[in-house]
Amino acid sequence: MRRAVSTNQRMYFDLELSGQYLLSGDTEGVVSVWDTTLPPSEGKDPVLQPILQFQAQKDCVNGISLHP
């Protein structure tokens, strides 16, 4: 999994209760959602691509949490 982080701030993430979905923000204000049950891309440096991304704000999203 990759995200844009160009700060010394802590960048938090949250895992959905079942463990299937991981969510995190980045320094560009984008929130990404990954499905942890999917396989990563093939190649030398495999990467799990997000299944959803959206612009949450125009500033850093350094924390995210889910509520059941």
N, C-alpha and C. Protein backbone atom coordinates (compact mmCIF):
# COMPACT_ATOMS: atom_id res chain seq x y z
N MET A 1 0.84 -1.17 0.00
CA MET A 1 0.00 0.00 0.00
C MET A 1 0.89 1.23 0.00
N ARG A 2 0.49 2.21 -0.75
CA ARG A 2 1.25 3.46 -0.80
C ARG A 2 0.30 4.64 -0.63
N ARG A 3 0.85 5.72 -0.09
CA ARG A 3 0.11 6.97 0.03
C ARG A 3 1.11 8.10 0.02
N ALA A 4 0.66 9.29 -0.37
CA ALA A 4 1.54 10.46 -0.44
C ALA A 4 1.71 11.06 0.95
N VAL A 5 2.93 11.01 1.47
CA VAL A 5 3.22 11.58 2.78
C VAL A 5 4.51 12.38 2.70
N SER A 6 4.38 13.69 2.85
CA SER A 6 5.56 14.55 2.79
C SER A 6 5.56 15.48 4.02
N THR A 7 5.52 14.87 5.18
CA THR A 7 5.50 15.62 6.43
C THR A 7 6.13 14.77 7.52
N ASN A 8 6.48 15.41 8.62
CA ASN A 8 6.99 14.66 9.76
C ASN A 8 5.88 14.32 10.75
N GLN A 9 4.63 14.69 10.41
CA GLN A 9 3.48 14.37 11.25
C GLN A 9 3.22 12.86 11.24
N ARG A 10 2.63 12.37 12.30
CA ARG A 10 2.20 10.97 12.30
C ARG A 10 0.99 10.85 11.38
N MET A 11 0.97 9.79 10.61
CA MET A 11 -0.12 9.53 9.68
C MET A 11 -0.82 8.25 10.14
N TYR A 12 -2.02 8.40 10.68
CA TYR A 12 -2.74 7.27 11.24
C TYR A 12 -3.61 6.59 10.19
N PHE A 13 -4.03 5.38 10.50
CA PHE A 13 -4.93 4.62 9.64
C PHE A 13 -5.91 3.89 10.54
N ASP A 14 -6.95 3.34 9.95
CA ASP A 14 -7.89 2.52 10.72
C ASP A 14 -8.28 1.32 9.89
N LEU A 15 -8.53 0.24 10.58
CA LEU A 15 -8.93 -1.01 9.95
C LEU A 15 -10.38 -1.27 10.33
N GLU A 16 -11.20 -1.54 9.34
CA GLU A 16 -12.61 -1.81 9.55
C GLU A 16 -12.75 -3.06 10.43
N LEU A 17 -13.84 -3.17 11.19
CA LEU A 17 -14.01 -4.18 12.22
C LEU A 17 -13.72 -5.61 11.73
N SER A 18 -14.13 -5.95 10.51
CA SER A 18 -13.89 -7.30 9.99
C SER A 18 -12.45 -7.50 9.53
N GLY A 19 -11.70 -6.40 9.38
CA GLY A 19 -10.33 -6.48 8.91
C GLY A 19 -10.19 -6.46 7.40
N GLN A 20 -11.30 -6.32 6.69
CA GLN A 20 -11.23 -6.33 5.22
C GLN A 20 -10.79 -5.00 4.64
N TYR A 21 -11.20 -3.90 5.23
CA TYR A 21 -10.92 -2.59 4.66
C TYR A 21 -10.00 -1.77 5.56
N LEU A 22 -8.96 -1.22 4.96
CA LEU A 22 -8.02 -0.35 5.64
C LEU A 22 -8.17 1.04 5.04
N LEU A 23 -8.27 2.07 5.87
CA LEU A 23 -8.45 3.44 5.41
C LEU A 23 -7.33 4.32 5.94
N SER A 24 -6.90 5.27 5.12
CA SER A 24 -5.87 6.21 5.55
C SER A 24 -5.95 7.47 4.70
N GLY A 25 -5.49 8.57 5.29
CA GLY A 25 -5.39 9.82 4.55
C GLY A 25 -3.96 10.07 4.13
N ASP A 26 -3.77 11.19 3.40
CA ASP A 26 -2.41 11.56 3.01
C ASP A 26 -2.23 13.07 3.13
N THR A 27 -1.05 13.57 2.81
CA THR A 27 -0.76 14.99 2.97
C THR A 27 -1.40 15.86 1.89
N GLU A 28 -1.99 15.25 0.89
CA GLU A 28 -2.68 16.01 -0.16
C GLU A 28 -4.19 16.08 0.07
N GLY A 29 -4.66 15.54 1.21
CA GLY A 29 -6.08 15.59 1.54
C GLY A 29 -6.91 14.47 0.96
N VAL A 30 -6.25 13.45 0.44
CA VAL A 30 -6.95 12.32 -0.19
C VAL A 30 -7.10 11.19 0.82
N VAL A 31 -8.30 10.62 0.89
CA VAL A 31 -8.55 9.44 1.71
C VAL A 31 -8.58 8.23 0.78
N SER A 32 -7.87 7.18 1.15
CA SER A 32 -7.81 5.95 0.35
C SER A 32 -8.37 4.79 1.15
N VAL A 33 -9.01 3.86 0.42
CA VAL A 33 -9.55 2.65 1.02
C VAL A 33 -8.96 1.46 0.27
N TRP A 34 -8.39 0.52 1.01
CA TRP A 34 -7.83 -0.69 0.42
C TRP A 34 -8.63 -1.90 0.90
N ASP A 35 -8.81 -2.86 0.02
CA ASP A 35 -9.43 -4.13 0.38
C ASP A 35 -8.30 -5.11 0.64
N THR A 36 -8.11 -5.48 1.90
CA THR A 36 -6.98 -6.32 2.29
C THR A 36 -7.12 -7.76 1.83
N THR A 37 -8.28 -8.14 1.30
CA THR A 37 -8.46 -9.51 0.81
C THR A 37 -8.02 -9.66 -0.64
N LEU A 38 -7.73 -8.55 -1.32
CA LEU A 38 -7.29 -8.60 -2.72
C LEU A 38 -5.78 -8.81 -2.79
N PRO A 39 -5.31 -9.44 -3.86
CA PRO A 39 -3.86 -9.62 -4.00
C PRO A 39 -3.20 -8.33 -4.48
N PRO A 40 -1.94 -8.10 -4.09
CA PRO A 40 -1.21 -6.93 -4.60
C PRO A 40 -0.82 -7.14 -6.06
N SER A 41 -0.37 -6.05 -6.69
CA SER A 41 0.09 -6.14 -8.07
C SER A 41 1.30 -7.06 -8.14
N GLU A 42 1.56 -7.60 -9.30
CA GLU A 42 2.72 -8.46 -9.48
C GLU A 42 3.92 -7.62 -9.88
N GLY A 43 5.08 -8.16 -9.68
CA GLY A 43 6.30 -7.46 -10.07
C GLY A 43 7.31 -7.44 -8.95
N LYS A 44 8.37 -6.67 -9.17
CA LYS A 44 9.47 -6.60 -8.22
C LYS A 44 9.02 -6.01 -6.88
N ASP A 45 8.24 -4.95 -6.92
CA ASP A 45 7.73 -4.30 -5.71
C ASP A 45 6.21 -4.34 -5.72
N PRO A 46 5.60 -5.44 -5.25
CA PRO A 46 4.14 -5.56 -5.30
C PRO A 46 3.46 -4.48 -4.43
N VAL A 47 2.37 -3.93 -4.95
CA VAL A 47 1.63 -2.88 -4.27
C VAL A 47 0.15 -3.21 -4.32
N LEU A 48 -0.52 -3.05 -3.18
CA LEU A 48 -1.96 -3.21 -3.15
C LEU A 48 -2.58 -1.87 -3.52
N GLN A 49 -3.34 -1.83 -4.60
CA GLN A 49 -3.96 -0.60 -5.08
C GLN A 49 -5.24 -0.30 -4.31
N PRO A 50 -5.53 0.98 -4.05
CA PRO A 50 -6.77 1.31 -3.36
C PRO A 50 -7.99 1.00 -4.23
N ILE A 51 -9.09 0.62 -3.58
CA ILE A 51 -10.33 0.38 -4.31
C ILE A 51 -11.17 1.64 -4.39
N LEU A 52 -10.83 2.65 -3.55
CA LEU A 52 -11.56 3.91 -3.53
C LEU A 52 -10.63 5.00 -3.05
N GLN A 53 -10.71 6.16 -3.69
CA GLN A 53 -9.98 7.35 -3.24
C GLN A 53 -10.89 8.55 -3.45
N PHE A 54 -10.85 9.49 -2.49
CA PHE A 54 -11.61 10.72 -2.67
C PHE A 54 -10.90 11.87 -1.97
N GLN A 55 -11.11 13.07 -2.51
CA GLN A 55 -10.52 14.28 -1.96
C GLN A 55 -11.38 14.72 -0.79
N ALA A 56 -10.89 14.52 0.43
CA ALA A 56 -11.66 14.85 1.62
C ALA A 56 -11.54 16.33 1.98
N GLN A 57 -10.37 16.90 1.75
CA GLN A 57 -10.13 18.31 2.01
C GLN A 57 -8.89 18.74 1.26
N LYS A 58 -8.54 20.02 1.37
CA LYS A 58 -7.39 20.54 0.65
C LYS A 58 -6.11 20.55 1.49
N ASP A 59 -6.20 20.02 2.70
CA ASP A 59 -5.06 19.98 3.60
C ASP A 59 -4.82 18.54 4.04
N CYS A 60 -3.78 18.33 4.80
CA CYS A 60 -3.38 17.00 5.25
C CYS A 60 -4.50 16.29 6.03
N VAL A 61 -4.71 15.03 5.71
CA VAL A 61 -5.60 14.16 6.48
C VAL A 61 -4.69 13.19 7.22
N ASN A 62 -4.30 13.57 8.44
CA ASN A 62 -3.33 12.74 9.16
C ASN A 62 -3.98 11.78 10.13
N GLY A 63 -5.30 11.82 10.26
CA GLY A 63 -5.99 10.89 11.14
C GLY A 63 -7.33 10.49 10.57
N ILE A 64 -7.68 9.24 10.75
CA ILE A 64 -8.97 8.75 10.29
C ILE A 64 -9.40 7.66 11.24
N SER A 65 -10.71 7.61 11.52
CA SER A 65 -11.22 6.54 12.38
C SER A 65 -12.63 6.19 11.94
N LEU A 66 -12.96 4.94 12.10
CA LEU A 66 -14.27 4.43 11.73
C LEU A 66 -15.09 4.20 12.98
N HIS A 67 -16.38 4.41 12.87
CA HIS A 67 -17.28 4.17 13.99
C HIS A 67 -18.29 3.10 13.55
N PRO A 68 -18.47 2.07 14.36
CA PRO A 68 -19.38 0.99 13.94
C PRO A 68 -20.80 1.50 13.78
